[in-house]
Amino acid sequence: MDLGLAGRAYAVTGASSGVGLATAALLLADGAHVAACARDADRLAAALDPLPRAGGARVHARACDVLDADAVAAFVDGAAADLGRLDGVVNNAGRSLMAPVAATTPEQWRAELDLKIFSVLHTVRAAEPHLRRSDAPAIVNVNAILARQPEPRLAATSAARAALLNLSRTLAADLAPIRVNSVCLGLIDTGQWRRRYESSGTDASYEEWSAGIAAERGIALGRFGRAEEVAHAIVALLSPRASYITGSSLDVGGGVARYA
């Protein structure tokens, strides 16, 4: 099915790897222009350069710290000027802090909230004037199932994710007709999990090791997700074909849903 993305332009933060890179790749393959940012310009360029681009799709890439409002505004305005338009934004920049409440410092709490909330607010505020000129404007905030299903070992990240989910629903009401939705991730196969496997000292293969974790976490499909599986959900919500979906959240977690 044609998603109606060709010729449109979308900004993706945290685009040098993982879900952000997979989303940029899928958009380009569908003929959409992509504005991509990450903190490391060289790594970003190396990741984006090999991606196939359909129908003359172009890339605007720039190093950007999403916690710097001025840098975000420069990235978004430059992208809209270079690509001639901006139809959507994917707020993907993020990380997790592995620590329980007692081991999380006040500074770490603030850092988690800054990254999960202000990175989104900076991007949305910069993008809003450009999105208002689109006939199908959309924002997708990449979140986590932790927003509804917190884990004690990820105390600050869980709380910040919950705040972002709440904020996303508020933005959906405030920014309409710009659509705002969330994609909430479960365990996704990323470099972080590969590094944990390599330092685990296990004799099991990565597939066996990750399947064991999936079973322990109650993932019905019995495995980690892949970045491209998340990207398909993000791109579907960006698409004009999702024109009556806003204020919603979609779990991409292989069936893990212990929350009510």
C-alpha atoms as a PDB file:
ATOM      1  CA  MET A   1       0.000   0.000   0.000  1.00  0.00           C
ATOM      2  CA  ASP A   2       1.240   3.478  -0.872  1.00  0.00           C
ATOM      3  CA  LEU A   3       1.558   5.392   2.396  1.00  0.00           C
ATOM      4  CA  GLY A   4       1.649   8.774   0.686  1.00  0.00           C
ATOM      5  CA  LEU A   5       5.123   9.655   1.953  1.00  0.00           C
ATOM      6  CA  ALA A   6       6.882  10.381  -1.339  1.00  0.00           C
ATOM      7  CA  GLY A   7       8.015  13.974  -1.660  1.00  0.00           C
ATOM      8  CA  ARG A   8       7.257  14.807   1.945  1.00  0.00           C
ATOM      9  CA  ALA A   9       9.926  15.673   4.528  1.00  0.00           C
ATOM     10  CA  TYR A  10      10.416  14.291   8.020  1.00  0.00           C
ATOM     11  CA  ALA A  11      12.875  15.123  10.791  1.00  0.00           C
ATOM     12  CA  VAL A  12      14.322  12.279  12.862  1.00  0.00           C
ATOM     13  CA  THR A  13      16.380  12.845  16.003  1.00  0.00           C
ATOM     14  CA  GLY A  14      18.886  10.275  17.229  1.00  0.00           C
ATOM     15  CA  ALA A  15      19.206   9.027  13.666  1.00  0.00           C
ATOM     16  CA  SER A  16      22.733   7.590  13.642  1.00  0.00           C
ATOM     17  CA  SER A  17      21.781   4.123  14.879  1.00  0.00           C
ATOM     18  CA  GLY A  18      19.028   1.831  16.066  1.00  0.00           C
ATOM     19  CA  VAL A  19      15.400   2.861  15.691  1.00  0.00           C
ATOM     20  CA  GLY A  20      16.240   6.339  14.413  1.00  0.00           C
ATOM     21  CA  LEU A  21      18.425   5.026  11.622  1.00  0.00           C
ATOM     22  CA  ALA A  22      15.909   2.316  10.703  1.00  0.00           C
ATOM     23  CA  THR A  23      13.177   4.961  10.508  1.00  0.00           C
ATOM     24  CA  ALA A  24      15.283   7.212   8.285  1.00  0.00           C
ATOM     25  CA  ALA A  25      16.048   4.233   6.018  1.00  0.00           C
ATOM     26  CA  LEU A  26      12.383   3.317   5.652  1.00  0.00           C
ATOM     27  CA  LEU A  27      11.340   6.894   4.906  1.00  0.00           C
ATOM     28  CA  LEU A  28      14.021   7.262   2.239  1.00  0.00           C
ATOM     29  CA  ALA A  29      13.044   3.936   0.685  1.00  0.00           C
ATOM     30  CA  ASP A  30       9.475   5.263   0.390  1.00  0.00           C
ATOM     31  CA  GLY A  31      10.660   8.422  -1.368  1.00  0.00           C
ATOM     32  CA  ALA A  32      10.434  10.827   1.567  1.00  0.00           C
ATOM     33  CA  HIS A  33      13.111  13.427   2.317  1.00  0.00           C
ATOM     34  CA  VAL A  34      14.767  13.042   5.725  1.00  0.00           C
ATOM     35  CA  ALA A  35      16.289  15.587   8.066  1.00  0.00           C
ATOM     36  CA  ALA A  36      18.464  13.616  10.467  1.00  0.00           C
ATOM     37  CA  CYS A  37      20.396  14.697  13.524  1.00  0.00           C
ATOM     38  CA  ALA A  38      22.636  13.103  16.130  1.00  0.00           C
ATOM     39  CA  ARG A  39      25.432  14.322  18.364  1.00  0.00           C
ATOM     40  CA  ASP A  40      28.262  12.827  16.296  1.00  0.00           C
ATOM     41  CA  ALA A  41      28.319  14.260  12.762  1.00  0.00           C
ATOM     42  CA  ASP A  42      30.831  11.748  11.389  1.00  0.00           C
ATOM     43  CA  ARG A  43      28.939   8.758  12.741  1.00  0.00           C
ATOM     44  CA  LEU A  44      25.685  10.183  11.396  1.00  0.00           C
ATOM     45  CA  ALA A  45      27.107  10.680   7.910  1.00  0.00           C
ATOM     46  CA  ALA A  46      28.629   7.201   7.857  1.00  0.00           C
ATOM     47  CA  ALA A  47      25.273   5.677   8.819  1.00  0.00           C
ATOM     48  CA  LEU A  48      23.168   7.658   6.349  1.00  0.00           C
ATOM     49  CA  ASP A  49      25.375   7.698   3.263  1.00  0.00           C
ATOM     50  CA  PRO A  50      24.810   4.038   2.233  1.00  0.00           C
ATOM     51  CA  LEU A  51      21.009   4.175   2.547  1.00  0.00           C
ATOM     52  CA  PRO A  52      19.042   3.676  -0.698  1.00  0.00           C
ATOM     53  CA  ARG A  53      16.899   6.658  -1.675  1.00  0.00           C
ATOM     54  CA  ALA A  54      13.817   6.252  -3.864  1.00  0.00           C
ATOM     55  CA  GLY A  55      12.362   8.867  -6.173  1.00  0.00           C
ATOM     56  CA  GLY A  56      14.959  11.555  -5.595  1.00  0.00           C
ATOM     57  CA  ALA A  57      14.654  11.508  -1.802  1.00  0.00           C
ATOM     58  CA  ARG A  58      17.224  13.771  -0.152  1.00  0.00           C
ATOM     59  CA  VAL A  59      18.923  13.908   3.242  1.00  0.00           C
ATOM     60  CA  HIS A  60      19.651  16.931   5.404  1.00  0.00           C
ATOM     61  CA  ALA A  61      22.044  15.823   8.165  1.00  0.00           C
ATOM     62  CA  ARG A  62      23.374  17.889  11.030  1.00  0.00           C
ATOM     63  CA  ALA A  63      25.062  17.355  14.380  1.00  0.00           C
ATOM     64  CA  CYS A  64      22.734  18.511  17.138  1.00  0.00           C
ATOM     65  CA  ASP A  65      22.354  18.207  20.899  1.00  0.00           C
ATOM     66  CA  VAL A  66      18.604  17.890  21.450  1.00  0.00           C
ATOM     67  CA  LEU A  67      18.978  19.473  24.902  1.00  0.00           C
ATOM     68  CA  ASP A  68      20.177  22.720  23.282  1.00  0.00           C
ATOM     69  CA  ALA A  69      17.067  24.630  22.195  1.00  0.00           C
ATOM     70  CA  ASP A  70      19.019  26.947  19.886  1.00  0.00           C
ATOM     71  CA  ALA A  71      20.791  24.039  18.191  1.00  0.00           C
ATOM     72  CA  VAL A  72      17.481  22.228  17.702  1.00  0.00           C
ATOM     73  CA  ALA A  73      15.888  25.336  16.195  1.00  0.00           C
ATOM     74  CA  ALA A  74      18.828  25.735  13.813  1.00  0.00           C
ATOM     75  CA  PHE A  75      18.547  22.081  12.775  1.00  0.00           C
ATOM     76  CA  VAL A  76      14.779  22.234  12.177  1.00  0.00           C
ATOM     77  CA  ASP A  77      14.787  25.596  10.398  1.00  0.00           C
ATOM     78  CA  GLY A  78      17.737  24.560   8.259  1.00  0.00           C
ATOM     79  CA  ALA A  79      16.037  21.304   7.338  1.00  0.00           C
ATOM     80  CA  ALA A  80      12.790  23.009   6.340  1.00  0.00           C
ATOM     81  CA  ALA A  81      14.696  25.532   4.228  1.00  0.00           C
ATOM     82  CA  ASP A  82      16.864  22.899   2.553  1.00  0.00           C
ATOM     83  CA  LEU A  83      14.104  20.357   1.914  1.00  0.00           C
ATOM     84  CA  GLY A  84      11.436  22.948   1.146  1.00  0.00           C
ATOM     85  CA  ARG A  85       8.947  21.699   3.736  1.00  0.00           C
ATOM     86  CA  LEU A  86       8.489  19.746   6.937  1.00  0.00           C
ATOM     87  CA  ASP A  87       5.613  17.297   7.322  1.00  0.00           C
ATOM     88  CA  GLY A  88       6.560  15.402  10.431  1.00  0.00           C
ATOM     89  CA  VAL A  89       8.931  14.839  13.324  1.00  0.00           C
ATOM     90  CA  VAL A  90      10.155  11.673  15.025  1.00  0.00           C
ATOM     91  CA  ASN A  91      11.446  12.373  18.527  1.00  0.00           C
ATOM     92  CA  ASN A  92      13.731   9.413  19.055  1.00  0.00           C
ATOM     93  CA  ALA A  93      16.769  10.623  21.002  1.00  0.00           C
ATOM     94  CA  GLY A  94      17.047   8.812  24.311  1.00  0.00           C
ATOM     95  CA  ARG A  95      18.799   6.431  26.656  1.00  0.00           C
ATOM     96  CA  SER A  96      18.100   4.394  29.790  1.00  0.00           C
ATOM     97  CA  LEU A  97      19.545   4.780  33.275  1.00  0.00           C
ATOM     98  CA  MET A  98      19.945   1.422  35.016  1.00  0.00           C
ATOM     99  CA  ALA A  99      19.556   2.303  38.702  1.00  0.00           C
ATOM    100  CA  PRO A 100      16.970   1.861  41.468  1.00  0.00           C
ATOM    101  CA  VAL A 101      15.569   4.841  43.376  1.00  0.00           C
ATOM    102  CA  ALA A 102      18.122   4.617  46.191  1.00  0.00           C
ATOM    103  CA  ALA A 103      21.050   4.666  43.757  1.00  0.00           C
ATOM    104  CA  THR A 104      19.791   7.526  41.584  1.00  0.00           C
ATOM    105  CA  THR A 105      21.165  10.973  42.399  1.00  0.00           C
ATOM    106  CA  PRO A 106      19.122  14.186  42.110  1.00  0.00           C
ATOM    107  CA  GLU A 107      21.308  15.163  39.166  1.00  0.00           C
ATOM    108  CA  GLN A 108      20.493  11.882  37.407  1.00  0.00           C
ATOM    109  CA  TRP A 109      16.768  12.396  37.989  1.00  0.00           C
ATOM    110  CA  ARG A 110      16.998  15.853  36.417  1.00  0.00           C
ATOM    111  CA  ALA A 111      19.073  14.563  33.507  1.00  0.00           C
ATOM    112  CA  GLU A 112      16.524  11.846  32.708  1.00  0.00           C
ATOM    113  CA  LEU A 113      13.613  14.299  32.816  1.00  0.00           C
ATOM    114  CA  ASP A 114      15.548  16.828  30.741  1.00  0.00           C
ATOM    115  CA  LEU A 115      16.273  14.279  28.035  1.00  0.00           C
ATOM    116  CA  LYS A 116      12.820  12.718  27.884  1.00  0.00           C
ATOM    117  CA  ILE A 117      10.817  15.965  28.153  1.00  0.00           C
ATOM    118  CA  PHE A 118      12.864  18.923  26.961  1.00  0.00           C
ATOM    119  CA  SER A 119      14.341  17.166  23.934  1.00  0.00           C
ATOM    120  CA  VAL A 120      10.757  16.707  22.732  1.00  0.00           C
ATOM    121  CA  LEU A 121       9.590  20.197  23.687  1.00  0.00           C
ATOM    122  CA  HIS A 122      12.553  21.842  21.936  1.00  0.00           C
ATOM    123  CA  THR A 123      11.895  19.913  18.727  1.00  0.00           C
ATOM    124  CA  VAL A 124       8.131  20.405  18.770  1.00  0.00           C
ATOM    125  CA  ARG A 125       8.392  24.140  19.398  1.00  0.00           C
ATOM    126  CA  ALA A 126      10.893  24.559  16.581  1.00  0.00           C
ATOM    127  CA  ALA A 127       8.904  22.400  14.172  1.00  0.00           C
ATOM    128  CA  GLU A 128       5.392  23.683  14.861  1.00  0.00           C
ATOM    129  CA  PRO A 129       5.441  26.700  12.499  1.00  0.00           C
ATOM    130  CA  HIS A 130       6.665  24.501   9.643  1.00  0.00           C
ATOM    131  CA  LEU A 131       4.223  21.690  10.415  1.00  0.00           C
ATOM    132  CA  ARG A 132       1.320  24.158  10.353  1.00  0.00           C
ATOM    133  CA  ARG A 133       2.020  24.629   6.647  1.00  0.00           C
ATOM    134  CA  SER A 134       1.726  20.899   5.887  1.00  0.00           C
ATOM    135  CA  ASP A 135      -1.530  19.292   4.766  1.00  0.00           C
ATOM    136  CA  ALA A 136      -0.715  16.156   6.811  1.00  0.00           C
ATOM    137  CA  PRO A 137       1.437  17.143   9.810  1.00  0.00           C
ATOM    138  CA  ALA A 138       2.415  14.478  12.327  1.00  0.00           C
ATOM    139  CA  ILE A 139       4.665  13.928  15.324  1.00  0.00           C
ATOM    140  CA  VAL A 140       5.685  10.538  16.690  1.00  0.00           C
ATOM    141  CA  ASN A 141       7.358  10.331  20.080  1.00  0.00           C
ATOM    142  CA  VAL A 142       9.403   7.183  20.582  1.00  0.00           C
ATOM    143  CA  ASN A 143       8.736   6.042  24.128  1.00  0.00           C
ATOM    144  CA  ALA A 144       8.831   2.768  26.045  1.00  0.00           C
ATOM    145  CA  ILE A 145       6.403   0.354  27.666  1.00  0.00           C
ATOM    146  CA  LEU A 146       8.164   1.454  30.860  1.00  0.00           C
ATOM    147  CA  ALA A 147       5.863   4.483  30.691  1.00  0.00           C
ATOM    148  CA  ARG A 148       3.024   2.237  31.892  1.00  0.00           C
ATOM    149  CA  GLN A 149       4.936  -0.713  33.269  1.00  0.00           C
ATOM    150  CA  PRO A 150       7.803   0.660  35.384  1.00  0.00           C
ATOM    151  CA  GLU A 151      10.792  -1.391  36.480  1.00  0.00           C
ATOM    152  CA  PRO A 152      12.431  -0.715  39.867  1.00  0.00           C
ATOM    153  CA  ARG A 153      15.920  -1.054  38.329  1.00  0.00           C
ATOM    154  CA  LEU A 154      15.038   1.739  35.866  1.00  0.00           C
ATOM    155  CA  ALA A 155      13.366   4.071  38.324  1.00  0.00           C
ATOM    156  CA  ALA A 156      14.182   7.476  36.833  1.00  0.00           C
ATOM    157  CA  THR A 157      13.810   6.317  33.237  1.00  0.00           C
ATOM    158  CA  SER A 158      10.407   4.758  33.996  1.00  0.00           C
ATOM    159  CA  ALA A 159       9.148   7.948  35.633  1.00  0.00           C
ATOM    160  CA  ALA A 160      10.440  10.153  32.830  1.00  0.00           C
ATOM    161  CA  ARG A 161       8.889   7.866  30.224  1.00  0.00           C
ATOM    162  CA  ALA A 162       5.522   8.148  32.007  1.00  0.00           C
ATOM    163  CA  ALA A 163       5.831  11.928  31.964  1.00  0.00           C
ATOM    164  CA  LEU A 164       6.533  11.865  28.222  1.00  0.00           C
ATOM    165  CA  LEU A 165       3.485   9.701  27.554  1.00  0.00           C
ATOM    166  CA  ASN A 166       1.331  12.164  29.463  1.00  0.00           C
ATOM    167  CA  LEU A 167       2.916  15.120  27.655  1.00  0.00           C
ATOM    168  CA  SER A 168       2.316  13.479  24.283  1.00  0.00           C
ATOM    169  CA  ARG A 169      -1.401  13.276  24.964  1.00  0.00           C
ATOM    170  CA  THR A 170      -1.446  16.931  26.007  1.00  0.00           C
ATOM    171  CA  LEU A 171       0.381  17.919  22.832  1.00  0.00           C
ATOM    172  CA  ALA A 172      -2.133  15.976  20.739  1.00  0.00           C
ATOM    173  CA  ALA A 173      -4.898  18.174  22.149  1.00  0.00           C
ATOM    174  CA  ASP A 174      -2.939  21.434  22.078  1.00  0.00           C
ATOM    175  CA  LEU A 175      -1.409  21.125  18.614  1.00  0.00           C
ATOM    176  CA  ALA A 176      -4.360  19.705  16.638  1.00  0.00           C
ATOM    177  CA  PRO A 177      -4.713  19.341  13.685  1.00  0.00           C
ATOM    178  CA  ILE A 178      -1.038  18.355  14.005  1.00  0.00           C
ATOM    179  CA  ARG A 179      -1.309  14.709  15.006  1.00  0.00           C
ATOM    180  CA  VAL A 180       0.790  13.502  17.955  1.00  0.00           C
ATOM    181  CA  ASN A 181       1.195   9.808  18.755  1.00  0.00           C
ATOM    182  CA  SER A 182       3.550   7.571  20.712  1.00  0.00           C
ATOM    183  CA  VAL A 183       5.266   4.301  19.896  1.00  0.00           C
ATOM    184  CA  CYS A 184       6.171   2.440  23.096  1.00  0.00           C
ATOM    185  CA  LEU A 185       9.006  -0.049  22.814  1.00  0.00           C
ATOM    186  CA  GLY A 186       9.700  -3.261  24.634  1.00  0.00           C
ATOM    187  CA  LEU A 187      13.077  -4.978  24.384  1.00  0.00           C
ATOM    188  CA  ILE A 188      14.671  -4.077  21.059  1.00  0.00           C
ATOM    189  CA  ASP A 189      17.865  -5.675  19.753  1.00  0.00           C
ATOM    190  CA  THR A 190      20.381  -2.830  19.903  1.00  0.00           C
ATOM    191  CA  GLY A 191      24.083  -2.377  20.489  1.00  0.00           C
ATOM    192  CA  GLN A 192      23.362  -1.986  24.192  1.00  0.00           C
ATOM    193  CA  TRP A 193      22.049  -5.549  24.437  1.00  0.00           C
ATOM    194  CA  ARG A 194      24.946  -6.873  22.333  1.00  0.00           C
ATOM    195  CA  ARG A 195      27.389  -5.258  24.739  1.00  0.00           C
ATOM    196  CA  ARG A 196      25.587  -6.783  27.718  1.00  0.00           C
ATOM    197  CA  TYR A 197      25.791 -10.194  26.073  1.00  0.00           C
ATOM    198  CA  GLU A 198      29.514  -9.827  25.408  1.00  0.00           C
ATOM    199  CA  SER A 199      30.176  -8.912  29.041  1.00  0.00           C
ATOM    200  CA  SER A 200      27.861 -11.591  30.480  1.00  0.00           C
ATOM    201  CA  GLY A 201      30.403 -14.405  30.353  1.00  0.00           C
ATOM    202  CA  THR A 202      27.770 -16.836  29.103  1.00  0.00           C
ATOM    203  CA  ASP A 203      28.556 -19.834  26.886  1.00  0.00           C
ATOM    204  CA  ALA A 204      25.137 -19.512  25.210  1.00  0.00           C
ATOM    205  CA  SER A 205      24.712 -18.006  21.754  1.00  0.00           C
ATOM    206  CA  TYR A 206      23.289 -14.492  21.555  1.00  0.00           C
ATOM    207  CA  GLU A 207      20.004 -15.946  20.300  1.00  0.00           C
ATOM    208  CA  GLU A 208      19.782 -18.341  23.256  1.00  0.00           C
ATOM    209  CA  TRP A 209      20.804 -15.669  25.750  1.00  0.00           C
ATOM    210  CA  SER A 210      18.320 -13.095  24.446  1.00  0.00           C
ATOM    211  CA  ALA A 211      15.533 -15.694  24.257  1.00  0.00           C
ATOM    212  CA  GLY A 212      16.127 -16.450  27.932  1.00  0.00           C
ATOM    213  CA  ILE A 213      15.726 -12.769  28.806  1.00  0.00           C
ATOM    214  CA  ALA A 214      12.595 -12.574  26.658  1.00  0.00           C
ATOM    215  CA  ALA A 215      11.109 -15.530  28.539  1.00  0.00           C
ATOM    216  CA  GLU A 216      12.029 -13.988  31.896  1.00  0.00           C
ATOM    217  CA  ARG A 217      10.346 -10.696  30.901  1.00  0.00           C
ATOM    218  CA  GLY A 218       7.166 -12.409  29.687  1.00  0.00           C
ATOM    219  CA  ILE A 219       7.516 -11.521  26.002  1.00  0.00           C
ATOM    220  CA  ALA A 220       4.921 -13.635  24.207  1.00  0.00           C
ATOM    221  CA  LEU A 221       6.841 -13.791  20.921  1.00  0.00           C
ATOM    222  CA  GLY A 222       9.895 -15.135  22.746  1.00  0.00           C
ATOM    223  CA  ARG A 223      12.517 -12.785  21.301  1.00  0.00           C
ATOM    224  CA  PHE A 224      13.786  -9.207  21.183  1.00  0.00           C
ATOM    225  CA  GLY A 225      12.298  -6.879  18.595  1.00  0.00           C
ATOM    226  CA  ARG A 226      14.250  -5.447  15.675  1.00  0.00           C
ATOM    227  CA  ALA A 227      14.752  -1.761  14.954  1.00  0.00           C
ATOM    228  CA  GLU A 228      13.062  -2.060  11.567  1.00  0.00           C
ATOM    229  CA  GLU A 229       9.962  -3.524  13.213  1.00  0.00           C
ATOM    230  CA  VAL A 230       9.663  -0.361  15.282  1.00  0.00           C
ATOM    231  CA  ALA A 231      10.353   1.813  12.245  1.00  0.00           C
ATOM    232  CA  HIS A 232       7.382   0.352  10.371  1.00  0.00           C
ATOM    233  CA  ALA A 233       5.084   1.372  13.232  1.00  0.00           C
ATOM    234  CA  ILE A 234       6.551   4.878  13.347  1.00  0.00           C
ATOM    235  CA  VAL A 235       6.262   5.419   9.605  1.00  0.00           C
ATOM    236  CA  ALA A 236       2.683   4.153   9.591  1.00  0.00           C
ATOM    237  CA  LEU A 237       1.737   6.759  12.203  1.00  0.00           C
ATOM    238  CA  LEU A 238       3.556   9.500  10.290  1.00  0.00           C
ATOM    239  CA  SER A 239       1.699   8.621   7.112  1.00  0.00           C
ATOM    240  CA  PRO A 240      -1.282  10.635   5.878  1.00  0.00           C
ATOM    241  CA  ARG A 241      -3.082   7.274   5.839  1.00  0.00           C
ATOM    242  CA  ALA A 242      -3.212   7.540   9.663  1.00  0.00           C
ATOM    243  CA  SER A 243      -5.064  10.854   9.381  1.00  0.00           C
ATOM    244  CA  TYR A 244      -7.615  10.107  12.135  1.00  0.00           C
ATOM    245  CA  ILE A 245      -5.166   8.776  14.727  1.00  0.00           C
ATOM    246  CA  THR A 246      -3.899  11.205  17.363  1.00  0.00           C
ATOM    247  CA  GLY A 247      -3.284  11.093  21.096  1.00  0.00           C
ATOM    248  CA  SER A 248      -2.713   7.345  20.814  1.00  0.00           C
ATOM    249  CA  SER A 249       0.101   5.025  21.789  1.00  0.00           C
ATOM    250  CA  LEU A 250       1.129   1.806  20.085  1.00  0.00           C
ATOM    251  CA  ASP A 251       3.073  -0.880  21.942  1.00  0.00           C
ATOM    252  CA  VAL A 252       5.804  -2.588  19.936  1.00  0.00           C
ATOM    253  CA  GLY A 253       6.862  -5.097  22.520  1.00  0.00           C
ATOM    254  CA  GLY A 254       6.178  -8.615  21.292  1.00  0.00           C
ATOM    255  CA  GLY A 255       3.130  -9.006  23.519  1.00  0.00           C
ATOM    256  CA  VAL A 256       4.597  -7.949  26.863  1.00  0.00           C
ATOM    257  CA  ALA A 257       1.805  -6.044  28.614  1.00  0.00           C
ATOM    258  CA  ARG A 258       1.474  -6.691  32.311  1.00  0.00           C
ATOM    259  CA  TYR A 259      -0.170  -3.315  32.920  1.00  0.00           C
ATOM    260  CA  ALA A 260      -3.976  -2.975  33.020  1.00  0.00           C
END
